[in-house]
């Protein structure tokens, strides 16, 4: 009770106490003295405020995930593997060095967990979308195996200039001209733009980001953290 009382008093409007200016000054001095003698009161209040903030953020994340589930988990333009009871979505940004391991991590997790479905979205949060469009074009023209090979190659490139991307298309694709044409097609631009809008709607922030039906996992986290998040999703 001693921890709660000072904050209950602070929550009461000044006029409701009907104190004179002198009494209010004395009360304020006593309260400041109390808080200086009991700093744990402030720490506990801050801890509770932080807990409430995290709870609100998690609730907001879940609401946005539910509203955008179709675009997240069932877009026909995305690479997907598996038919499990839980779907894990990877937002892969080829300009993000920390994203380089995401495709390999995702596939390794699906190999270990046969009840896991993996979706990879080609994500370009900035104005430079060439790498994401090339990945999409190779997926469309050459199929999933070439797409995974292209992902590895895109992360290994020194840059993503048009010249470098054209050279990669000729190196990987069996139909490089078709890839380059599809790369510039309106539907490819639209796919990448939709993914970027979806990321903004979900407030994902910078990659790497992993998405589950009931949780967002932001940042460069180890595979064990993803495994635990998947286990929590299954247990709910």
Foldseek 3Di string as FASTA:
>chain_A
DLLCVLVVVVPDPPVVVVDDPVVVVVVVVVSVVVCVVPVVSVVVVVVVVVVVVVVVLLVLLLVLLVVCVCVQPPDPLWDKDADAPWEKEWEAELVDLLRLCVVVLQVVVCVVPRRYMYIYQDEDLDPDCQLSLLLSLCCVQPNDVLSVVSSNVSNVDPDRDPVVSLVSLVVRPPCSVSSVVSSPDPVSVVSRVVRNVSCVSSVQPDDGWMDISRDIDHDNDDSVVVVVVVVVVVVD
